[in-house]
């Protein structure tokens, strides 16, 4: 992704019942998966896991839309005000 001559790295956070993982999408990976990254709320992710102390990052190599027999439940609003 380019903005005013800069190449941007995209960071995302995924959450499940076990906690959070930070995703790092390098520009070429983001460009290949831009529609999924911008529109899907339920993603499959593969890549290389990096852990330093208590911080975990997944350097994304591929995103995909999982094929499920049933669609996941709609997430409830998390209003923190």
PDB file of N, CA and C in Angstrom:
ATOM      1  N   UNK A   1       0.846  -1.160   0.000  1.00  0.00           N
ATOM      2  CA  UNK A   1       0.000   0.000   0.000  1.00  0.00           C
ATOM      3  C   UNK A   1       0.897   1.230   0.000  1.00  0.00           C
ATOM      4  N   UNK A   2       0.622   2.183  -0.876  1.00  0.00           N
ATOM      5  CA  UNK A   2       1.422   3.407  -0.955  1.00  0.00           C
ATOM      6  C   UNK A   2       0.552   4.609  -0.608  1.00  0.00           C
ATOM      7  N   UNK A   3       1.118   5.485   0.191  1.00  0.00           N
ATOM      8  CA  UNK A   3       0.476   6.750   0.512  1.00  0.00           C
ATOM      9  C   UNK A   3       1.550   7.824   0.398  1.00  0.00           C
ATOM     10  N   UNK A   4       1.350   8.751  -0.504  1.00  0.00           N
ATOM     11  CA  UNK A   4       2.278   9.876  -0.695  1.00  0.00           C
ATOM     12  C   UNK A   4       3.738   9.424  -0.752  1.00  0.00           C
ATOM     13  N   UNK A   5       4.002   8.373  -1.541  1.00  0.00           N
ATOM     14  CA  UNK A   5       5.370   7.923  -1.724  1.00  0.00           C
ATOM     15  C   UNK A   5       5.902   6.982  -0.663  1.00  0.00           C
ATOM     16  N   UNK A   6       5.124   6.711   0.377  1.00  0.00           N
ATOM     17  CA  UNK A   6       5.553   5.811   1.440  1.00  0.00           C
ATOM     18  C   UNK A   6       4.950   4.430   1.233  1.00  0.00           C
ATOM     19  N   UNK A   7       5.685   3.404   1.578  1.00  0.00           N
ATOM     20  CA  UNK A   7       5.156   2.046   1.573  1.00  0.00           C
ATOM     21  C   UNK A   7       4.707   1.748   2.993  1.00  0.00           C
ATOM     22  N   UNK A   8       3.449   1.332   3.138  1.00  0.00           N
ATOM     23  CA  UNK A   8       2.886   1.119   4.464  1.00  0.00           C
ATOM     24  C   UNK A   8       2.781  -0.360   4.803  1.00  0.00           C
ATOM     25  N   UNK A   9       3.127  -0.676   6.020  1.00  0.00           N
ATOM     26  CA  UNK A   9       2.901  -1.999   6.571  1.00  0.00           C
ATOM     27  C   UNK A   9       1.576  -1.934   7.314  1.00  0.00           C
ATOM     28  N   UNK A  10       0.717  -2.928   7.109  1.00  0.00           N
ATOM     29  CA  UNK A  10      -0.593  -2.941   7.749  1.00  0.00           C
ATOM     30  C   UNK A  10      -0.542  -3.859   8.956  1.00  0.00           C
ATOM     31  N   UNK A  11      -1.052  -3.370  10.080  1.00  0.00           N
ATOM     32  CA  UNK A  11      -1.145  -4.147  11.301  1.00  0.00           C
ATOM     33  C   UNK A  11      -2.613  -4.398  11.613  1.00  0.00           C
ATOM     34  N   UNK A  12      -2.925  -5.626  11.991  1.00  0.00           N
ATOM     35  CA  UNK A  12      -4.286  -5.998  12.380  1.00  0.00           C
ATOM     36  C   UNK A  12      -4.185  -6.794  13.676  1.00  0.00           C
ATOM     37  N   UNK A  13      -5.274  -6.868  14.395  1.00  0.00           N
ATOM     38  CA  UNK A  13      -5.334  -7.689  15.601  1.00  0.00           C
ATOM     39  C   UNK A  13      -6.488  -8.653  15.468  1.00  0.00           C
ATOM     40  N   UNK A  14      -6.229  -9.931  15.695  1.00  0.00           N
ATOM     41  CA  UNK A  14      -7.279 -10.949  15.723  1.00  0.00           C
ATOM     42  C   UNK A  14      -7.499 -11.380  17.159  1.00  0.00           C
ATOM     43  N   UNK A  15      -8.739 -11.744  17.458  1.00  0.00           N
ATOM     44  CA  UNK A  15      -9.083 -12.174  18.808  1.00  0.00           C
ATOM     45  C   UNK A  15      -9.918 -13.441  18.725  1.00  0.00           C
ATOM     46  N   UNK A  16      -9.634 -14.370  19.620  1.00  0.00           N
ATOM     47  CA  UNK A  16     -10.505 -15.528  19.815  1.00  0.00           C
ATOM     48  C   UNK A  16     -10.617 -15.778  21.310  1.00  0.00           C
ATOM     49  N   UNK A  17     -11.170 -16.920  21.691  1.00  0.00           N
ATOM     50  CA  UNK A  17     -11.388 -17.194  23.109  1.00  0.00           C
ATOM     51  C   UNK A  17     -10.093 -17.338  23.908  1.00  0.00           C
ATOM     52  N   UNK A  18      -8.958 -17.504  23.243  1.00  0.00           N
ATOM     53  CA  UNK A  18      -7.687 -17.670  23.945  1.00  0.00           C
ATOM     54  C   UNK A  18      -6.907 -16.368  24.080  1.00  0.00           C
ATOM     55  N   UNK A  19      -7.301 -15.336  23.352  1.00  0.00           N
ATOM     56  CA  UNK A  19      -6.597 -14.064  23.457  1.00  0.00           C
ATOM     57  C   UNK A  19      -6.435 -13.377  22.118  1.00  0.00           C
ATOM     58  N   UNK A  20      -5.388 -12.566  22.027  1.00  0.00           N
ATOM     59  CA  UNK A  20      -5.137 -11.735  20.856  1.00  0.00           C
ATOM     60  C   UNK A  20      -3.864 -12.174  20.151  1.00  0.00           C
ATOM     61  N   UNK A  21      -3.815 -11.913  18.849  1.00  0.00           N
ATOM     62  CA  UNK A  21      -2.574 -12.060  18.092  1.00  0.00           C
ATOM     63  C   UNK A  21      -2.487 -10.872  17.131  1.00  0.00           C
ATOM     64  N   UNK A  22      -1.305 -10.308  17.051  1.00  0.00           N
ATOM     65  CA  UNK A  22      -1.062  -9.181  16.157  1.00  0.00           C
ATOM     66  C   UNK A  22      -0.633  -9.698  14.799  1.00  0.00           C
ATOM     67  N   UNK A  23      -1.259  -9.196  13.744  1.00  0.00           N
ATOM     68  CA  UNK A  23      -0.903  -9.579  12.381  1.00  0.00           C
ATOM     69  C   UNK A  23      -0.073  -8.467  11.750  1.00  0.00           C
ATOM     70  N   UNK A  24       0.937  -8.866  11.011  1.00  0.00           N
ATOM     71  CA  UNK A  24       1.758  -7.932  10.255  1.00  0.00           C
ATOM     72  C   UNK A  24       1.600  -8.308   8.782  1.00  0.00           C
ATOM     73  N   UNK A  25       1.093  -7.393   7.986  1.00  0.00           N
ATOM     74  CA  UNK A  25       0.922  -7.621   6.552  1.00  0.00           C
ATOM     75  C   UNK A  25       1.868  -6.694   5.806  1.00  0.00           C
ATOM     76  N   UNK A  26       2.887  -7.271   5.180  1.00  0.00           N
ATOM     77  CA  UNK A  26       3.802  -6.492   4.358  1.00  0.00           C
ATOM     78  C   UNK A  26       3.052  -6.028   3.120  1.00  0.00           C
ATOM     79  N   UNK A  27       3.500  -4.966   2.457  1.00  0.00           N
ATOM     80  CA  UNK A  27       2.749  -4.375   1.343  1.00  0.00           C
ATOM     81  C   UNK A  27       2.334  -5.357   0.249  1.00  0.00           C
ATOM     82  N   UNK A  28       3.219  -6.267  -0.156  1.00  0.00           N
ATOM     83  CA  UNK A  28       2.856  -7.197  -1.234  1.00  0.00           C
ATOM     84  C   UNK A  28       1.760  -8.158  -0.791  1.00  0.00           C
ATOM     85  N   UNK A  29       1.787  -8.589   0.448  1.00  0.00           N
ATOM     86  CA  UNK A  29       0.747  -9.491   0.976  1.00  0.00           C
ATOM     87  C   UNK A  29      -0.572  -8.742   1.088  1.00  0.00           C
ATOM     88  N   UNK A  30      -0.524  -7.510   1.573  1.00  0.00           N
ATOM     89  CA  UNK A  30      -1.754  -6.732   1.678  1.00  0.00           C
ATOM     90  C   UNK A  30      -2.373  -6.498   0.304  1.00  0.00           C
ATOM     91  N   UNK A  31      -1.566  -6.153  -0.684  1.00  0.00           N
ATOM     92  CA  UNK A  31      -2.099  -5.904  -2.025  1.00  0.00           C
ATOM     93  C   UNK A  31      -2.788  -7.136  -2.598  1.00  0.00           C
ATOM     94  N   UNK A  32      -2.195  -8.309  -2.393  1.00  0.00           N
ATOM     95  CA  UNK A  32      -2.800  -9.557  -2.893  1.00  0.00           C
ATOM     96  C   UNK A  32      -4.111  -9.886  -2.192  1.00  0.00           C
ATOM     97  N   UNK A  33      -4.271  -9.422  -0.954  1.00  0.00           N
ATOM     98  CA  UNK A  33      -5.423  -9.789  -0.130  1.00  0.00           C
ATOM     99  C   UNK A  33      -6.240  -8.582   0.310  1.00  0.00           C
ATOM    100  N   UNK A  34      -6.137  -7.474  -0.412  1.00  0.00           N
ATOM    101  CA  UNK A  34      -6.737  -6.217   0.032  1.00  0.00           C
ATOM    102  C   UNK A  34      -8.245  -6.307   0.246  1.00  0.00           C
ATOM    103  N   UNK A  35      -8.956  -6.952  -0.654  1.00  0.00           N
ATOM    104  CA  UNK A  35     -10.418  -7.022  -0.507  1.00  0.00           C
ATOM    105  C   UNK A  35     -10.795  -7.796   0.748  1.00  0.00           C
ATOM    106  N   UNK A  36     -10.182  -8.957   0.959  1.00  0.00           N
ATOM    107  CA  UNK A  36     -10.475  -9.734   2.165  1.00  0.00           C
ATOM    108  C   UNK A  36     -10.093  -8.961   3.424  1.00  0.00           C
ATOM    109  N   UNK A  37      -8.926  -8.369   3.432  1.00  0.00           N
ATOM    110  CA  UNK A  37      -8.440  -7.663   4.615  1.00  0.00           C
ATOM    111  C   UNK A  37      -9.345  -6.497   4.990  1.00  0.00           C
ATOM    112  N   UNK A  38      -9.936  -5.871   3.993  1.00  0.00           N
ATOM    113  CA  UNK A  38     -10.775  -4.700   4.244  1.00  0.00           C
ATOM    114  C   UNK A  38     -12.226  -5.035   4.526  1.00  0.00           C
ATOM    115  N   UNK A  39     -12.709  -6.189   4.102  1.00  0.00           N
ATOM    116  CA  UNK A  39     -14.152  -6.431   4.151  1.00  0.00           C
ATOM    117  C   UNK A  39     -14.598  -7.589   5.038  1.00  0.00           C
ATOM    118  N   UNK A  40     -13.769  -8.589   5.244  1.00  0.00           N
ATOM    119  CA  UNK A  40     -14.214  -9.775   5.976  1.00  0.00           C
ATOM    120  C   UNK A  40     -14.023  -9.624   7.479  1.00  0.00           C
ATOM    121  N   UNK A  41     -15.006 -10.093   8.247  1.00  0.00           N
ATOM    122  CA  UNK A  41     -14.878 -10.077   9.702  1.00  0.00           C
ATOM    123  C   UNK A  41     -14.425 -11.437  10.231  1.00  0.00           C
ATOM    124  N   UNK A  42     -14.397 -12.456   9.366  1.00  0.00           N
ATOM    125  CA  UNK A  42     -14.002 -13.813   9.755  1.00  0.00           C
ATOM    126  C   UNK A  42     -12.966 -14.281   8.745  1.00  0.00           C
ATOM    127  N   UNK A  43     -11.705 -14.359   9.161  1.00  0.00           N
ATOM    128  CA  UNK A  43     -10.603 -14.634   8.249  1.00  0.00           C
ATOM    129  C   UNK A  43      -9.825 -15.876   8.655  1.00  0.00           C
ATOM    130  N   UNK A  44      -9.328 -16.584   7.660  1.00  0.00           N
ATOM    131  CA  UNK A  44      -8.299 -17.584   7.868  1.00  0.00           C
ATOM    132  C   UNK A  44      -6.966 -16.928   7.568  1.00  0.00           C
ATOM    133  N   UNK A  45      -5.953 -17.266   8.347  1.00  0.00           N
ATOM    134  CA  UNK A  45      -4.647 -16.618   8.210  1.00  0.00           C
ATOM    135  C   UNK A  45      -3.561 -17.671   8.306  1.00  0.00           C
ATOM    136  N   UNK A  46      -2.554 -17.559   7.443  1.00  0.00           N
ATOM    137  CA  UNK A  46      -1.369 -18.404   7.597  1.00  0.00           C
ATOM    138  C   UNK A  46      -0.143 -17.518   7.467  1.00  0.00           C
ATOM    139  N   UNK A  47       0.913 -17.926   8.143  1.00  0.00           N
ATOM    140  CA  UNK A  47       2.140 -17.152   8.104  1.00  0.00           C
ATOM    141  C   UNK A  47       3.141 -17.693   9.098  1.00  0.00           C
ATOM    142  N   UNK A  48       4.090 -16.857   9.459  1.00  0.00           N
ATOM    143  CA  UNK A  48       5.143 -17.247  10.394  1.00  0.00           C
ATOM    144  C   UNK A  48       4.915 -16.564  11.733  1.00  0.00           C
ATOM    145  N   UNK A  49       4.873 -17.378  12.770  1.00  0.00           N
ATOM    146  CA  UNK A  49       4.658 -16.879  14.112  1.00  0.00           C
ATOM    147  C   UNK A  49       5.961 -16.379  14.707  1.00  0.00           C
ATOM    148  N   UNK A  50       5.918 -15.184  15.282  1.00  0.00           N
ATOM    149  CA  UNK A  50       7.072 -14.619  15.959  1.00  0.00           C
ATOM    150  C   UNK A  50       6.655 -14.275  17.382  1.00  0.00           C
ATOM    151  N   UNK A  51       7.463 -14.700  18.330  1.00  0.00           N
ATOM    152  CA  UNK A  51       7.157 -14.406  19.724  1.00  0.00           C
ATOM    153  C   UNK A  51       8.403 -13.867  20.407  1.00  0.00           C
ATOM    154  N   UNK A  52       8.238 -12.726  21.050  1.00  0.00           N
ATOM    155  CA  UNK A  52       9.320 -12.128  21.811  1.00  0.00           C
ATOM    156  C   UNK A  52       8.744 -11.740  23.164  1.00  0.00           C
ATOM    157  N   UNK A  53       9.187 -12.427  24.204  1.00  0.00           N
ATOM    158  CA  UNK A  53       8.656 -12.267  25.561  1.00  0.00           C
ATOM    159  C   UNK A  53       7.160 -12.602  25.521  1.00  0.00           C
ATOM    160  N   UNK A  54       6.308 -11.697  25.905  1.00  0.00           N
ATOM    161  CA  UNK A  54       4.863 -11.959  25.908  1.00  0.00           C
ATOM    162  C   UNK A  54       4.156 -11.416  24.673  1.00  0.00           C
ATOM    163  N   UNK A  55       4.909 -10.873  23.725  1.00  0.00           N
ATOM    164  CA  UNK A  55       4.318 -10.291  22.516  1.00  0.00           C
ATOM    165  C   UNK A  55       4.384 -11.303  21.391  1.00  0.00           C
ATOM    166  N   UNK A  56       3.223 -11.566  20.776  1.00  0.00           N
ATOM    167  CA  UNK A  56       3.138 -12.531  19.681  1.00  0.00           C
ATOM    168  C   UNK A  56       2.705 -11.789  18.415  1.00  0.00           C
ATOM    169  N   UNK A  57       3.419 -12.042  17.331  1.00  0.00           N
ATOM    170  CA  UNK A  57       3.080 -11.492  16.018  1.00  0.00           C
ATOM    171  C   UNK A  57       2.968 -12.644  15.034  1.00  0.00           C
ATOM    172  N   UNK A  58       2.053 -12.519  14.102  1.00  0.00           N
ATOM    173  CA  UNK A  58       1.976 -13.445  12.984  1.00  0.00           C
ATOM    174  C   UNK A  58       2.267 -12.634  11.729  1.00  0.00           C
ATOM    175  N   UNK A  59       3.387 -12.924  11.079  1.00  0.00           N
ATOM    176  CA  UNK A  59       3.731 -12.261   9.825  1.00  0.00           C
ATOM    177  C   UNK A  59       2.960 -13.009   8.735  1.00  0.00           C
ATOM    178  N   UNK A  60       1.967 -12.352   8.178  1.00  0.00           N
ATOM    179  CA  UNK A  60       0.994 -12.992   7.296  1.00  0.00           C
ATOM    180  C   UNK A  60       1.604 -13.294   5.936  1.00  0.00           C
ATOM    181  N   UNK A  61       1.355 -14.506   5.476  1.00  0.00           N
ATOM    182  CA  UNK A  61       1.728 -14.907   4.120  1.00  0.00           C
ATOM    183  C   UNK A  61       0.496 -15.032   3.236  1.00  0.00           C
ATOM    184  N   UNK A  62      -0.651 -15.359   3.852  1.00  0.00           N
ATOM    185  CA  UNK A  62      -1.876 -15.539   3.081  1.00  0.00           C
ATOM    186  C   UNK A  62      -3.092 -15.326   3.969  1.00  0.00           C
ATOM    187  N   UNK A  63      -4.132 -14.723   3.402  1.00  0.00           N
ATOM    188  CA  UNK A  63      -5.447 -14.611   4.033  1.00  0.00           C
ATOM    189  C   UNK A  63      -6.442 -15.369   3.177  1.00  0.00           C
ATOM    190  N   UNK A  64      -7.453 -15.926   3.793  1.00  0.00           N
ATOM    191  CA  UNK A  64      -8.504 -16.588   3.031  1.00  0.00           C
ATOM    192  C   UNK A  64      -9.806 -16.527   3.810  1.00  0.00           C
ATOM    193  N   UNK A  65     -10.898 -16.776   3.103  1.00  0.00           N
ATOM    194  CA  UNK A  65     -12.211 -16.835   3.726  1.00  0.00           C
ATOM    195  C   UNK A  65     -12.498 -18.303   4.024  1.00  0.00           C
ATOM    196  N   UNK A  66     -12.597 -18.673   5.306  1.00  0.00           N
ATOM    197  CA  UNK A  66     -12.837 -20.076   5.647  1.00  0.00           C
ATOM    198  C   UNK A  66     -14.164 -20.569   5.080  1.00  0.00           C
ATOM    199  N   UNK A  67     -14.172 -21.823   4.671  1.00  0.00           N
ATOM    200  CA  UNK A  67     -15.404 -22.461   4.198  1.00  0.00           C
ATOM    201  C   UNK A  67     -15.982 -23.269   5.350  1.00  0.00           C
ATOM    202  N   UNK A  68     -17.159 -22.881   5.778  1.00  0.00           N
ATOM    203  CA  UNK A  68     -17.790 -23.506   6.931  1.00  0.00           C
ATOM    204  C   UNK A  68     -19.156 -24.047   6.552  1.00  0.00           C
ATOM    205  N   UNK A  69     -19.573 -25.086   7.282  1.00  0.00           N
ATOM    206  CA  UNK A  69     -20.927 -25.609   7.061  1.00  0.00           C
ATOM    207  C   UNK A  69     -21.968 -24.608   7.530  1.00  0.00           C
ATOM    208  N   UNK A  70     -21.650 -23.897   8.627  1.00  0.00           N
ATOM    209  CA  UNK A  70     -22.539 -22.860   9.142  1.00  0.00           C
ATOM    210  C   UNK A  70     -21.754 -21.566   9.262  1.00  0.00           C
ATOM    211  N   UNK A  71     -22.422 -20.482   9.016  1.00  0.00           N
ATOM    212  CA  UNK A  71     -21.774 -19.180   9.176  1.00  0.00           C
ATOM    213  C   UNK A  71     -21.560 -18.913  10.662  1.00  0.00           C
ATOM    214  N   UNK A  72     -20.487 -18.230  11.012  1.00  0.00           N
ATOM    215  CA  UNK A  72     -20.276 -17.888  12.422  1.00  0.00           C
ATOM    216  C   UNK A  72     -21.351 -16.929  12.912  1.00  0.00           C
ATOM    217  N   UNK A  73     -21.593 -16.945  14.211  1.00  0.00           N
ATOM    218  CA  UNK A  73     -22.575 -16.041  14.806  1.00  0.00           C
ATOM    219  C   UNK A  73     -22.136 -14.604  14.582  1.00  0.00           C
ATOM    220  N   UNK A  74     -23.095 -13.733  14.411  1.00  0.00           N
ATOM    221  CA  UNK A  74     -22.790 -12.314  14.252  1.00  0.00           C
ATOM    222  C   UNK A  74     -22.200 -11.795  15.550  1.00  0.00           C
ATOM    223  N   UNK A  75     -21.104 -11.065  15.468  1.00  0.00           N
ATOM    224  CA  UNK A  75     -20.510 -10.530  16.696  1.00  0.00           C
ATOM    225  C   UNK A  75     -21.407  -9.468  17.318  1.00  0.00           C
ATOM    226  N   UNK A  76     -21.403  -9.431  18.664  1.00  0.00           N
ATOM    227  CA  UNK A  76     -22.161  -8.408  19.368  1.00  0.00           C
ATOM    228  C   UNK A  76     -21.317  -7.136  19.440  1.00  0.00           C
ATOM    229  N   UNK A  77     -21.981  -6.024  19.540  1.00  0.00           N
ATOM    230  CA  UNK A  77     -21.306  -4.755  19.651  1.00  0.00           C
ATOM    231  C   UNK A  77     -20.521  -4.692  20.960  1.00  0.00           C
ATOM    232  N   UNK A  78     -19.302  -4.153  20.895  1.00  0.00           N
ATOM    233  CA  UNK A  78     -18.480  -3.971  22.092  1.00  0.00           C
ATOM    234  C   UNK A  78     -18.308  -2.479  22.324  1.00  0.00           C
ATOM    235  N   UNK A  79     -19.304  -1.893  22.962  1.00  0.00           N
ATOM    236  CA  UNK A  79     -19.294  -0.455  23.219  1.00  0.00           C
ATOM    237  C   UNK A  79     -18.619  -0.194  24.545  1.00  0.00           C
ATOM    238  N   UNK A  80     -17.523   0.558  24.525  1.00  0.00           N
ATOM    239  CA  UNK A  80     -16.741   0.796  25.722  1.00  0.00           C
ATOM    240  C   UNK A  80     -16.957   2.188  26.318  1.00  0.00           C
ATOM    241  N   UNK A  81     -18.125   2.744  26.135  1.00  0.00           N
ATOM    242  CA  UNK A  81     -18.361   4.076  26.725  1.00  0.00           C
ATOM    243  C   UNK A  81     -19.301   3.997  27.879  1.00  0.00           C
TER     244      UNK A  81
END
